[in-house]
Amino acid sequence: MKRAVSVSIGSSRRDKTVEIELLGERVSIERIGTDGDMEKAARLYQELDGKVDAFGVGGADLGALVDGKFYPFHSVQPMVRFVEKTPLVDGGGLKNTLENKAPGFLDEKIGDYLQEKGRKVLVTVGVDRWGLSKSFVEAGYETVFGDLMFALGVPIAIRTLGGLRFLAKLMIPIVTRFPFEWLYPTGEKQDVRTPKYEKYYQWATVIAGDCHYVKSHMPDDMQGKVIVTNTTTPEDVELFKRLGVKYLVTTTPVLEGRSFGTNMMEAALVAISGKGRPLTWEEYSELLDQLNFEPQLQELK
């Protein structure tokens, strides 16, 4: 059996292991959280290097890919310094292949609802999901990108892809040198919700992006909203339902009641490919087509 392991600096309470079959191959996919401890994560990578078929980097990104240029997160690199044998991925391949299908999927499944409520999307951090951001713009959505709000705490909305591109080129060379926990909730901080920026949540029909960012400032009133995200637990789904979310779209498959992160599913694809290396975007797309992977829709309310 193939084995793919996501070592995450997120909460260990979200750990999960499942065995699935992909294209005739049995693969164990396993998430191990270290509660924000990057050095513990580094030691886990060291311990498992060469003993598993693929690693996912969970709760962090190795860098940001914007308009074809890769900007490494310098504070994350030491966490993977011991990895020498096992292929290592952070979900970037799926973010720029599988997630691009989300706007078209929404139109196919709930197009009438979106026409009624307005094709307006809040992407919590657009630079983190450039492919998703670009695909919403190309699908004709009104957009607000919350990068300054959700990553830096600056209450300024960005409304165009050009503005997001300008911000990225200006700020990313700087912010990628910040400690990663300044930019993204890690460990127990992932369970904290502080309602904020409510006018943007209420303006949007669709709130899209990383689940931790979506939840971090989510207001108590989410009646009729559509959330497009991944890495949801049953507790996340219950929270969305309680606050009034109407539709939940996960861009990765729901397995045993939860959807795993793009890094985990990407590691699973690398494991079953048997190539011993990260795949190209074309190879990911080919595998996704063979597996018939597409976003999944749950009606909550």
C-alpha atoms as a PDB file:
ATOM      1  CA  MET A   1       0.000   0.000   0.000  1.00  0.00           C
ATOM      2  CA  LYS A   2       1.143   3.540  -0.775  1.00  0.00           C
ATOM      3  CA  ARG A   3       1.433   5.985   2.114  1.00  0.00           C
ATOM      4  CA  ALA A   4       1.048   9.770   1.957  1.00  0.00           C
ATOM      5  CA  VAL A   5       1.574  11.833   5.110  1.00  0.00           C
ATOM      6  CA  SER A   6       0.742  15.483   5.705  1.00  0.00           C
ATOM      7  CA  VAL A   7       2.807  16.919   8.540  1.00  0.00           C
ATOM      8  CA  SER A   8       0.866  19.993   9.632  1.00  0.00           C
ATOM      9  CA  ILE A   9       1.657  22.825  12.021  1.00  0.00           C
ATOM     10  CA  GLY A  10      -2.088  23.025  12.617  1.00  0.00           C
ATOM     11  CA  SER A  11      -3.994  21.633  15.560  1.00  0.00           C
ATOM     12  CA  SER A  12      -3.503  17.935  16.345  1.00  0.00           C
ATOM     13  CA  ARG A  13      -7.231  17.773  17.126  1.00  0.00           C
ATOM     14  CA  ARG A  14      -7.851  17.714  13.352  1.00  0.00           C
ATOM     15  CA  ASP A  15      -5.711  14.588  12.789  1.00  0.00           C
ATOM     16  CA  LYS A  16      -7.198  11.854  10.632  1.00  0.00           C
ATOM     17  CA  THR A  17      -6.101   8.743   8.746  1.00  0.00           C
ATOM     18  CA  VAL A  18      -8.104   7.047   6.000  1.00  0.00           C
ATOM     19  CA  GLU A  19      -7.381   4.389   3.404  1.00  0.00           C
ATOM     20  CA  ILE A  20      -8.769   4.920  -0.083  1.00  0.00           C
ATOM     21  CA  GLU A  21      -8.386   3.448  -3.557  1.00  0.00           C
ATOM     22  CA  LEU A  22      -7.287   5.726  -6.387  1.00  0.00           C
ATOM     23  CA  LEU A  23      -6.942   4.318  -9.914  1.00  0.00           C
ATOM     24  CA  GLY A  24      -6.615   0.797  -8.543  1.00  0.00           C
ATOM     25  CA  GLU A  25      -3.959   1.718  -5.963  1.00  0.00           C
ATOM     26  CA  ARG A  26      -4.624   1.524  -2.228  1.00  0.00           C
ATOM     27  CA  VAL A  27      -3.216   4.552  -0.440  1.00  0.00           C
ATOM     28  CA  SER A  28      -3.182   5.545   3.223  1.00  0.00           C
ATOM     29  CA  ILE A  29      -3.532   9.296   3.689  1.00  0.00           C
ATOM     30  CA  GLU A  30      -2.594  10.573   7.118  1.00  0.00           C
ATOM     31  CA  ARG A  31      -2.550  14.023   8.732  1.00  0.00           C
ATOM     32  CA  ILE A  32      -0.297  14.639  11.764  1.00  0.00           C
ATOM     33  CA  GLY A  33      -0.628  18.025  13.482  1.00  0.00           C
ATOM     34  CA  THR A  34       2.081  19.568  15.659  1.00  0.00           C
ATOM     35  CA  ASP A  35       0.054  22.403  17.257  1.00  0.00           C
ATOM     36  CA  GLY A  36       2.162  25.170  15.755  1.00  0.00           C
ATOM     37  CA  ASP A  37       5.547  23.601  16.563  1.00  0.00           C
ATOM     38  CA  MET A  38       7.669  23.871  13.407  1.00  0.00           C
ATOM     39  CA  GLU A  39      10.662  22.118  14.943  1.00  0.00           C
ATOM     40  CA  LYS A  40       8.523  19.138  15.926  1.00  0.00           C
ATOM     41  CA  ALA A  41       7.280  19.068  12.332  1.00  0.00           C
ATOM     42  CA  ALA A  42      10.864  19.156  11.064  1.00  0.00           C
ATOM     43  CA  ARG A  43      11.748  16.141  13.225  1.00  0.00           C
ATOM     44  CA  LEU A  44       8.712  14.221  11.958  1.00  0.00           C
ATOM     45  CA  TYR A  45       9.794  14.865   8.385  1.00  0.00           C
ATOM     46  CA  GLN A  46      13.274  13.660   9.293  1.00  0.00           C
ATOM     47  CA  GLU A  47      11.916  10.510  10.955  1.00  0.00           C
ATOM     48  CA  LEU A  48       9.651   9.595   8.034  1.00  0.00           C
ATOM     49  CA  ASP A  49      11.869  10.678   5.137  1.00  0.00           C
ATOM     50  CA  GLY A  50      12.358   7.777   2.737  1.00  0.00           C
ATOM     51  CA  LYS A  51       9.789   5.659   4.615  1.00  0.00           C
ATOM     52  CA  VAL A  52       6.637   7.078   2.984  1.00  0.00           C
ATOM     53  CA  ASP A  53       5.730   7.709  -0.651  1.00  0.00           C
ATOM     54  CA  ALA A  54       4.900  11.423  -0.435  1.00  0.00           C
ATOM     55  CA  PHE A  55       4.797  14.284   2.067  1.00  0.00           C
ATOM     56  CA  GLY A  56       2.280  17.091   2.252  1.00  0.00           C
ATOM     57  CA  VAL A  57       3.144  20.368   3.971  1.00  0.00           C
ATOM     58  CA  GLY A  58       0.117  21.145   6.126  1.00  0.00           C
ATOM     59  CA  GLY A  59      -0.850  24.389   7.840  1.00  0.00           C
ATOM     60  CA  ALA A  60       1.769  26.303   5.857  1.00  0.00           C
ATOM     61  CA  ASP A  61       2.877  26.963   2.304  1.00  0.00           C
ATOM     62  CA  LEU A  62       6.378  26.598   0.947  1.00  0.00           C
ATOM     63  CA  GLY A  63       5.730  29.809  -0.933  1.00  0.00           C
ATOM     64  CA  ALA A  64       3.270  31.785  -3.029  1.00  0.00           C
ATOM     65  CA  LEU A  65       2.938  31.440  -6.790  1.00  0.00           C
ATOM     66  CA  VAL A  66       1.667  34.653  -8.388  1.00  0.00           C
ATOM     67  CA  ASP A  67       1.406  35.050 -12.147  1.00  0.00           C
ATOM     68  CA  GLY A  68       3.944  32.299 -12.686  1.00  0.00           C
ATOM     69  CA  LYS A  69       6.539  33.600 -10.203  1.00  0.00           C
ATOM     70  CA  PHE A  70       7.295  31.672  -7.021  1.00  0.00           C
ATOM     71  CA  TYR A  71       8.055  33.516  -3.783  1.00  0.00           C
ATOM     72  CA  PRO A  72       9.348  31.185  -1.011  1.00  0.00           C
ATOM     73  CA  PHE A  73       8.238  31.686   2.587  1.00  0.00           C
ATOM     74  CA  HIS A  74      11.634  31.923   4.269  1.00  0.00           C
ATOM     75  CA  SER A  75      10.336  31.048   7.737  1.00  0.00           C
ATOM     76  CA  VAL A  76       8.869  27.766   6.456  1.00  0.00           C
ATOM     77  CA  GLN A  77      11.972  26.465   4.666  1.00  0.00           C
ATOM     78  CA  PRO A  78      13.780  25.303   7.855  1.00  0.00           C
ATOM     79  CA  MET A  79      10.791  23.087   8.669  1.00  0.00           C
ATOM     80  CA  VAL A  80      11.518  20.891   5.633  1.00  0.00           C
ATOM     81  CA  ARG A  81      15.315  21.039   5.822  1.00  0.00           C
ATOM     82  CA  PHE A  82      15.708  17.327   6.575  1.00  0.00           C
ATOM     83  CA  VAL A  83      13.650  16.077   3.620  1.00  0.00           C
ATOM     84  CA  GLU A  84      16.011  14.461   1.125  1.00  0.00           C
ATOM     85  CA  LYS A  85      14.263  11.375  -0.289  1.00  0.00           C
ATOM     86  CA  THR A  86      10.481  11.641  -0.113  1.00  0.00           C
ATOM     87  CA  PRO A  87       8.678  13.946  -2.606  1.00  0.00           C
ATOM     88  CA  LEU A  88       7.326  17.043  -0.844  1.00  0.00           C
ATOM     89  CA  VAL A  89       4.284  19.094  -1.951  1.00  0.00           C
ATOM     90  CA  ASP A  90       2.254  21.893  -0.369  1.00  0.00           C
ATOM     91  CA  GLY A  91      -0.946  21.792  -2.432  1.00  0.00           C
ATOM     92  CA  GLY A  92       0.091  24.390  -4.995  1.00  0.00           C
ATOM     93  CA  GLY A  93      -0.463  21.989  -7.883  1.00  0.00           C
ATOM     94  CA  LEU A  94      -4.092  21.332  -6.947  1.00  0.00           C
ATOM     95  CA  LYS A  95      -4.735  24.978  -6.085  1.00  0.00           C
ATOM     96  CA  ASN A  96      -3.891  25.807  -9.683  1.00  0.00           C
ATOM     97  CA  THR A  97      -5.735  22.893 -11.315  1.00  0.00           C
ATOM     98  CA  LEU A  98      -8.622  21.452  -9.266  1.00  0.00           C
ATOM     99  CA  GLU A  99      -9.675  24.716  -7.603  1.00  0.00           C
ATOM    100  CA  ASN A 100      -9.941  26.522 -10.932  1.00  0.00           C
ATOM    101  CA  LYS A 101     -13.060  24.451 -11.617  1.00  0.00           C
ATOM    102  CA  ALA A 102     -15.015  25.945  -8.710  1.00  0.00           C
ATOM    103  CA  PRO A 103     -16.716  28.925 -10.451  1.00  0.00           C
ATOM    104  CA  GLY A 104     -17.920  26.766 -13.352  1.00  0.00           C
ATOM    105  CA  PHE A 105     -19.114  24.122 -10.899  1.00  0.00           C
ATOM    106  CA  LEU A 106     -21.091  26.759  -8.965  1.00  0.00           C
ATOM    107  CA  ASP A 107     -22.762  27.991 -12.138  1.00  0.00           C
ATOM    108  CA  GLU A 108     -23.681  24.443 -13.098  1.00  0.00           C
ATOM    109  CA  LYS A 109     -25.093  23.449  -9.704  1.00  0.00           C
ATOM    110  CA  ILE A 110     -26.579  26.648  -8.219  1.00  0.00           C
ATOM    111  CA  GLY A 111     -26.448  29.148 -11.066  1.00  0.00           C
ATOM    112  CA  ASP A 112     -30.031  30.350 -10.574  1.00  0.00           C
ATOM    113  CA  TYR A 113     -29.400  30.966  -6.872  1.00  0.00           C
ATOM    114  CA  LEU A 114     -26.283  33.008  -7.660  1.00  0.00           C
ATOM    115  CA  GLN A 115     -28.150  35.066 -10.247  1.00  0.00           C
ATOM    116  CA  GLU A 116     -30.830  35.826  -7.663  1.00  0.00           C
ATOM    117  CA  LYS A 117     -28.435  36.707  -4.828  1.00  0.00           C
ATOM    118  CA  GLY A 118     -25.683  38.289  -6.930  1.00  0.00           C
ATOM    119  CA  ARG A 119     -22.459  36.902  -8.381  1.00  0.00           C
ATOM    120  CA  LYS A 120     -20.245  38.510  -5.760  1.00  0.00           C
ATOM    121  CA  VAL A 121     -17.302  36.764  -4.093  1.00  0.00           C
ATOM    122  CA  LEU A 122     -15.057  37.552  -1.141  1.00  0.00           C
ATOM    123  CA  VAL A 123     -11.764  35.677  -1.575  1.00  0.00           C
ATOM    124  CA  THR A 124     -10.156  35.797   1.860  1.00  0.00           C
ATOM    125  CA  VAL A 125      -6.549  35.728   0.616  1.00  0.00           C
ATOM    126  CA  GLY A 126      -6.304  35.819  -3.151  1.00  0.00           C
ATOM    127  CA  VAL A 127      -2.523  35.495  -3.390  1.00  0.00           C
ATOM    128  CA  ASP A 128      -2.774  32.179  -1.497  1.00  0.00           C
ATOM    129  CA  ARG A 129      -5.107  30.890  -4.219  1.00  0.00           C
ATOM    130  CA  TRP A 130      -4.143  32.718  -7.381  1.00  0.00           C
ATOM    131  CA  GLY A 131      -5.768  30.178  -9.690  1.00  0.00           C
ATOM    132  CA  LEU A 132      -9.077  30.334  -7.813  1.00  0.00           C
ATOM    133  CA  SER A 133      -8.968  34.147  -7.724  1.00  0.00           C
ATOM    134  CA  LYS A 134      -8.265  34.386 -11.450  1.00  0.00           C
ATOM    135  CA  SER A 135     -11.005  31.898 -12.304  1.00  0.00           C
ATOM    136  CA  PHE A 136     -13.658  33.881 -10.377  1.00  0.00           C
ATOM    137  CA  VAL A 137     -12.639  37.063 -12.199  1.00  0.00           C
ATOM    138  CA  GLU A 138     -12.738  35.297 -15.562  1.00  0.00           C
ATOM    139  CA  ALA A 139     -16.206  33.926 -14.708  1.00  0.00           C
ATOM    140  CA  GLY A 140     -17.485  37.490 -14.354  1.00  0.00           C
ATOM    141  CA  TYR A 141     -17.872  37.727 -10.578  1.00  0.00           C
ATOM    142  CA  GLU A 142     -17.656  40.986  -8.698  1.00  0.00           C
ATOM    143  CA  THR A 143     -14.684  40.414  -6.405  1.00  0.00           C
ATOM    144  CA  VAL A 144     -13.210  41.562  -3.133  1.00  0.00           C
ATOM    145  CA  PHE A 145      -9.808  40.179  -2.207  1.00  0.00           C
ATOM    146  CA  GLY A 146      -9.179  40.301   1.547  1.00  0.00           C
ATOM    147  CA  ASP A 147      -5.410  39.803   1.552  1.00  0.00           C
ATOM    148  CA  LEU A 148      -4.637  42.952   3.534  1.00  0.00           C
ATOM    149  CA  MET A 149      -7.444  42.234   5.997  1.00  0.00           C
ATOM    150  CA  PHE A 150      -7.033  38.537   6.651  1.00  0.00           C
ATOM    151  CA  ALA A 151      -3.255  38.187   6.396  1.00  0.00           C
ATOM    152  CA  LEU A 152      -2.071  41.571   7.714  1.00  0.00           C
ATOM    153  CA  GLY A 153      -5.023  42.989   9.668  1.00  0.00           C
ATOM    154  CA  VAL A 154      -5.251  46.096   7.480  1.00  0.00           C
ATOM    155  CA  PRO A 155      -8.948  46.957   6.762  1.00  0.00           C
ATOM    156  CA  ILE A 156      -8.535  47.688   3.054  1.00  0.00           C
ATOM    157  CA  ALA A 157     -10.298  45.709   0.324  1.00  0.00           C
ATOM    158  CA  ILE A 158      -8.766  44.992  -3.087  1.00  0.00           C
ATOM    159  CA  ARG A 159     -11.334  44.820  -5.873  1.00  0.00           C
ATOM    160  CA  THR A 160      -9.436  43.903  -9.030  1.00  0.00           C
ATOM    161  CA  LEU A 161      -7.019  41.213 -10.123  1.00  0.00           C
ATOM    162  CA  GLY A 162      -4.676  43.980 -11.278  1.00  0.00           C
ATOM    163  CA  GLY A 163      -4.740  45.463  -7.792  1.00  0.00           C
ATOM    164  CA  LEU A 164      -4.017  42.055  -6.290  1.00  0.00           C
ATOM    165  CA  ARG A 165      -1.146  41.544  -8.725  1.00  0.00           C
ATOM    166  CA  PHE A 166       0.305  44.971  -7.836  1.00  0.00           C
ATOM    167  CA  LEU A 167       0.004  44.233  -4.103  1.00  0.00           C
ATOM    168  CA  ALA A 168       1.671  40.869  -4.560  1.00  0.00           C
ATOM    169  CA  LYS A 169       4.654  42.283  -6.426  1.00  0.00           C
ATOM    170  CA  LEU A 170       4.998  45.076  -3.875  1.00  0.00           C
ATOM    171  CA  MET A 171       4.433  43.175  -0.630  1.00  0.00           C
ATOM    172  CA  ILE A 172       5.249  39.497  -1.138  1.00  0.00           C
ATOM    173  CA  PRO A 173       9.042  39.914  -1.232  1.00  0.00           C
ATOM    174  CA  ILE A 174       8.653  41.535   2.209  1.00  0.00           C
ATOM    175  CA  VAL A 175       5.944  39.451   3.907  1.00  0.00           C
ATOM    176  CA  THR A 176       7.497  36.133   2.866  1.00  0.00           C
ATOM    177  CA  ARG A 177      10.278  37.020   5.321  1.00  0.00           C
ATOM    178  CA  PHE A 178       7.819  37.426   8.216  1.00  0.00           C
ATOM    179  CA  PRO A 179       7.347  34.567  10.699  1.00  0.00           C
ATOM    180  CA  PHE A 180       4.608  32.448   9.134  1.00  0.00           C
ATOM    181  CA  GLU A 181       2.401  32.627  12.233  1.00  0.00           C
ATOM    182  CA  TRP A 182       2.078  36.391  11.644  1.00  0.00           C
ATOM    183  CA  LEU A 183       0.272  35.638   8.386  1.00  0.00           C
ATOM    184  CA  TYR A 184      -1.720  32.493   9.085  1.00  0.00           C
ATOM    185  CA  PRO A 185      -3.347  30.962  12.190  1.00  0.00           C
ATOM    186  CA  THR A 186      -1.377  27.992  13.498  1.00  0.00           C
ATOM    187  CA  GLY A 187      -1.962  25.521  16.336  1.00  0.00           C
ATOM    188  CA  GLU A 188      -4.739  26.486  18.744  1.00  0.00           C
ATOM    189  CA  LYS A 189      -5.233  29.837  16.981  1.00  0.00           C
ATOM    190  CA  GLN A 190      -7.020  27.882  14.265  1.00  0.00           C
ATOM    191  CA  ASP A 191      -9.946  27.354  16.656  1.00  0.00           C
ATOM    192  CA  VAL A 192     -10.417  31.066  17.453  1.00  0.00           C
ATOM    193  CA  ARG A 193     -13.137  33.048  15.655  1.00  0.00           C
ATOM    194  CA  THR A 194     -13.168  36.844  16.022  1.00  0.00           C
ATOM    195  CA  PRO A 195     -16.009  38.391  13.955  1.00  0.00           C
ATOM    196  CA  LYS A 196     -14.611  41.215  11.857  1.00  0.00           C
ATOM    197  CA  TYR A 197     -14.982  42.815   8.409  1.00  0.00           C
ATOM    198  CA  GLU A 198     -18.687  41.916   8.547  1.00  0.00           C
ATOM    199  CA  LYS A 199     -19.685  44.301   5.752  1.00  0.00           C
ATOM    200  CA  TYR A 200     -17.596  42.326   3.272  1.00  0.00           C
ATOM    201  CA  TYR A 201     -19.044  38.988   4.416  1.00  0.00           C
ATOM    202  CA  GLN A 202     -22.543  40.434   4.092  1.00  0.00           C
ATOM    203  CA  TRP A 203     -21.815  42.020   0.692  1.00  0.00           C
ATOM    204  CA  ALA A 204     -20.659  38.717  -0.804  1.00  0.00           C
ATOM    205  CA  THR A 205     -22.821  35.802  -1.854  1.00  0.00           C
ATOM    206  CA  VAL A 206     -19.773  33.507  -2.026  1.00  0.00           C
ATOM    207  CA  ILE A 207     -16.936  33.443   0.508  1.00  0.00           C
ATOM    208  CA  ALA A 208     -13.965  31.528  -0.871  1.00  0.00           C
ATOM    209  CA  GLY A 209     -10.536  30.556   0.415  1.00  0.00           C
ATOM    210  CA  ASP A 210      -8.685  28.621   3.069  1.00  0.00           C
ATOM    211  CA  CYS A 211     -11.126  27.327   5.701  1.00  0.00           C
ATOM    212  CA  HIS A 212      -9.157  28.808   8.624  1.00  0.00           C
ATOM    213  CA  TYR A 213      -9.168  32.246   7.022  1.00  0.00           C
ATOM    214  CA  VAL A 214     -12.900  31.956   6.213  1.00  0.00           C
ATOM    215  CA  LYS A 215     -13.715  31.045   9.818  1.00  0.00           C
ATOM    216  CA  SER A 216     -11.276  33.432  11.493  1.00  0.00           C
ATOM    217  CA  HIS A 217     -13.464  36.556  11.126  1.00  0.00           C
ATOM    218  CA  MET A 218     -16.786  35.001  10.178  1.00  0.00           C
ATOM    219  CA  PRO A 219     -19.793  36.865  11.670  1.00  0.00           C
ATOM    220  CA  ASP A 220     -22.604  35.145  13.554  1.00  0.00           C
ATOM    221  CA  ASP A 221     -25.043  35.807  10.704  1.00  0.00           C
ATOM    222  CA  MET A 222     -24.136  33.882   7.551  1.00  0.00           C
ATOM    223  CA  GLN A 223     -27.695  33.354   6.312  1.00  0.00           C
ATOM    224  CA  GLY A 224     -27.834  32.211   2.707  1.00  0.00           C
ATOM    225  CA  LYS A 225     -24.080  32.361   2.087  1.00  0.00           C
ATOM    226  CA  VAL A 226     -22.095  29.999  -0.114  1.00  0.00           C
ATOM    227  CA  ILE A 227     -18.672  28.895   1.158  1.00  0.00           C
ATOM    228  CA  VAL A 228     -16.044  27.517  -1.222  1.00  0.00           C
ATOM    229  CA  THR A 229     -13.141  25.987   0.707  1.00  0.00           C
ATOM    230  CA  ASN A 230     -11.428  22.729   1.649  1.00  0.00           C
ATOM    231  CA  THR A 231     -10.066  20.920   4.735  1.00  0.00           C
ATOM    232  CA  THR A 232     -13.400  20.866   6.531  1.00  0.00           C
ATOM    233  CA  THR A 233     -14.087  18.735   9.605  1.00  0.00           C
ATOM    234  CA  PRO A 234     -17.576  17.697  10.802  1.00  0.00           C
ATOM    235  CA  GLU A 235     -17.214  20.458  13.432  1.00  0.00           C
ATOM    236  CA  ASP A 236     -16.580  23.030  10.700  1.00  0.00           C
ATOM    237  CA  VAL A 237     -19.661  21.876   8.800  1.00  0.00           C
ATOM    238  CA  GLU A 238     -21.764  22.075  11.962  1.00  0.00           C
ATOM    239  CA  LEU A 239     -20.529  25.636  12.612  1.00  0.00           C
ATOM    240  CA  PHE A 240     -21.382  26.716   9.059  1.00  0.00           C
ATOM    241  CA  LYS A 241     -24.831  25.150   9.385  1.00  0.00           C
ATOM    242  CA  ARG A 242     -25.483  26.805  12.757  1.00  0.00           C
ATOM    243  CA  LEU A 243     -24.594  30.257  11.389  1.00  0.00           C
ATOM    244  CA  GLY A 244     -26.945  29.880   8.430  1.00  0.00           C
ATOM    245  CA  VAL A 245     -24.645  28.959   5.512  1.00  0.00           C
ATOM    246  CA  LYS A 246     -26.813  27.576   2.701  1.00  0.00           C
ATOM    247  CA  TYR A 247     -24.236  25.818   0.515  1.00  0.00           C
ATOM    248  CA  LEU A 248     -20.783  24.421   1.239  1.00  0.00           C
ATOM    249  CA  VAL A 249     -18.545  23.585  -1.702  1.00  0.00           C
ATOM    250  CA  THR A 250     -15.345  21.685  -0.980  1.00  0.00           C
ATOM    251  CA  THR A 251     -12.732  21.598  -3.711  1.00  0.00           C
ATOM    252  CA  THR A 252     -11.265  18.301  -2.458  1.00  0.00           C
ATOM    253  CA  PRO A 253     -13.274  15.079  -1.946  1.00  0.00           C
ATOM    254  CA  VAL A 254     -15.125  14.401   1.304  1.00  0.00           C
ATOM    255  CA  LEU A 255     -13.701  11.222   2.841  1.00  0.00           C
ATOM    256  CA  GLU A 256     -15.249   9.759   6.009  1.00  0.00           C
ATOM    257  CA  GLY A 257     -17.009  12.990   6.869  1.00  0.00           C
ATOM    258  CA  ARG A 258     -14.258  15.494   6.142  1.00  0.00           C
ATOM    259  CA  SER A 259     -12.366  17.017   3.246  1.00  0.00           C
ATOM    260  CA  PHE A 260      -8.587  16.955   3.378  1.00  0.00           C
ATOM    261  CA  GLY A 261      -6.308  19.834   2.394  1.00  0.00           C
ATOM    262  CA  THR A 262      -4.957  20.294  -1.092  1.00  0.00           C
ATOM    263  CA  ASN A 263      -1.499  19.363   0.203  1.00  0.00           C
ATOM    264  CA  MET A 264      -2.792  16.022   1.464  1.00  0.00           C
ATOM    265  CA  MET A 265      -4.651  15.142  -1.718  1.00  0.00           C
ATOM    266  CA  GLU A 266      -1.713  16.287  -3.831  1.00  0.00           C
ATOM    267  CA  ALA A 267       0.582  14.017  -1.812  1.00  0.00           C
ATOM    268  CA  ALA A 268      -1.830  11.133  -2.422  1.00  0.00           C
ATOM    269  CA  LEU A 269      -1.662  11.735  -6.182  1.00  0.00           C
ATOM    270  CA  VAL A 270       2.139  11.872  -6.075  1.00  0.00           C
ATOM    271  CA  ALA A 271       2.154   8.595  -4.101  1.00  0.00           C
ATOM    272  CA  ILE A 272      -0.034   6.670  -6.552  1.00  0.00           C
ATOM    273  CA  SER A 273       1.823   8.061  -9.570  1.00  0.00           C
ATOM    274  CA  GLY A 274       4.938   6.161  -8.507  1.00  0.00           C
ATOM    275  CA  LYS A 275       7.149   8.826 -10.089  1.00  0.00           C
ATOM    276  CA  GLY A 276       8.989   9.678  -6.867  1.00  0.00           C
ATOM    277  CA  ARG A 277       8.716  13.431  -7.506  1.00  0.00           C
ATOM    278  CA  PRO A 278       6.146  16.227  -7.481  1.00  0.00           C
ATOM    279  CA  LEU A 279       4.016  16.171 -10.619  1.00  0.00           C
ATOM    280  CA  THR A 280       3.643  18.853 -13.243  1.00  0.00           C
ATOM    281  CA  TRP A 281       0.353  20.740 -13.534  1.00  0.00           C
ATOM    282  CA  GLU A 282      -0.374  18.793 -16.714  1.00  0.00           C
ATOM    283  CA  GLU A 283       0.175  15.499 -14.885  1.00  0.00           C
ATOM    284  CA  TYR A 284      -2.108  16.586 -12.029  1.00  0.00           C
ATOM    285  CA  SER A 285      -4.793  17.593 -14.521  1.00  0.00           C
ATOM    286  CA  GLU A 286      -4.513  14.243 -16.296  1.00  0.00           C
ATOM    287  CA  LEU A 287      -4.870  12.303 -13.027  1.00  0.00           C
ATOM    288  CA  LEU A 288      -7.778  14.476 -11.893  1.00  0.00           C
ATOM    289  CA  ASP A 289      -9.565  13.787 -15.176  1.00  0.00           C
ATOM    290  CA  GLN A 290      -8.986  10.037 -14.792  1.00  0.00           C
ATOM    291  CA  LEU A 291     -10.305  10.165 -11.219  1.00  0.00           C
ATOM    292  CA  ASN A 292     -13.209  12.424 -12.214  1.00  0.00           C
ATOM    293  CA  PHE A 293     -12.407  14.657  -9.242  1.00  0.00           C
ATOM    294  CA  GLU A 294     -14.538  17.776  -9.050  1.00  0.00           C
ATOM    295  CA  PRO A 295     -15.747  20.043  -6.251  1.00  0.00           C
ATOM    296  CA  GLN A 296     -18.486  18.667  -3.997  1.00  0.00           C
ATOM    297  CA  LEU A 297     -21.655  20.510  -2.991  1.00  0.00           C
ATOM    298  CA  GLN A 298     -23.479  20.147   0.315  1.00  0.00           C
ATOM    299  CA  GLU A 299     -26.730  22.006   1.004  1.00  0.00           C
ATOM    300  CA  LEU A 300     -26.697  22.901   4.685  1.00  0.00           C
ATOM    301  CA  LYS A 301     -29.771  25.083   5.073  1.00  0.00           C
END
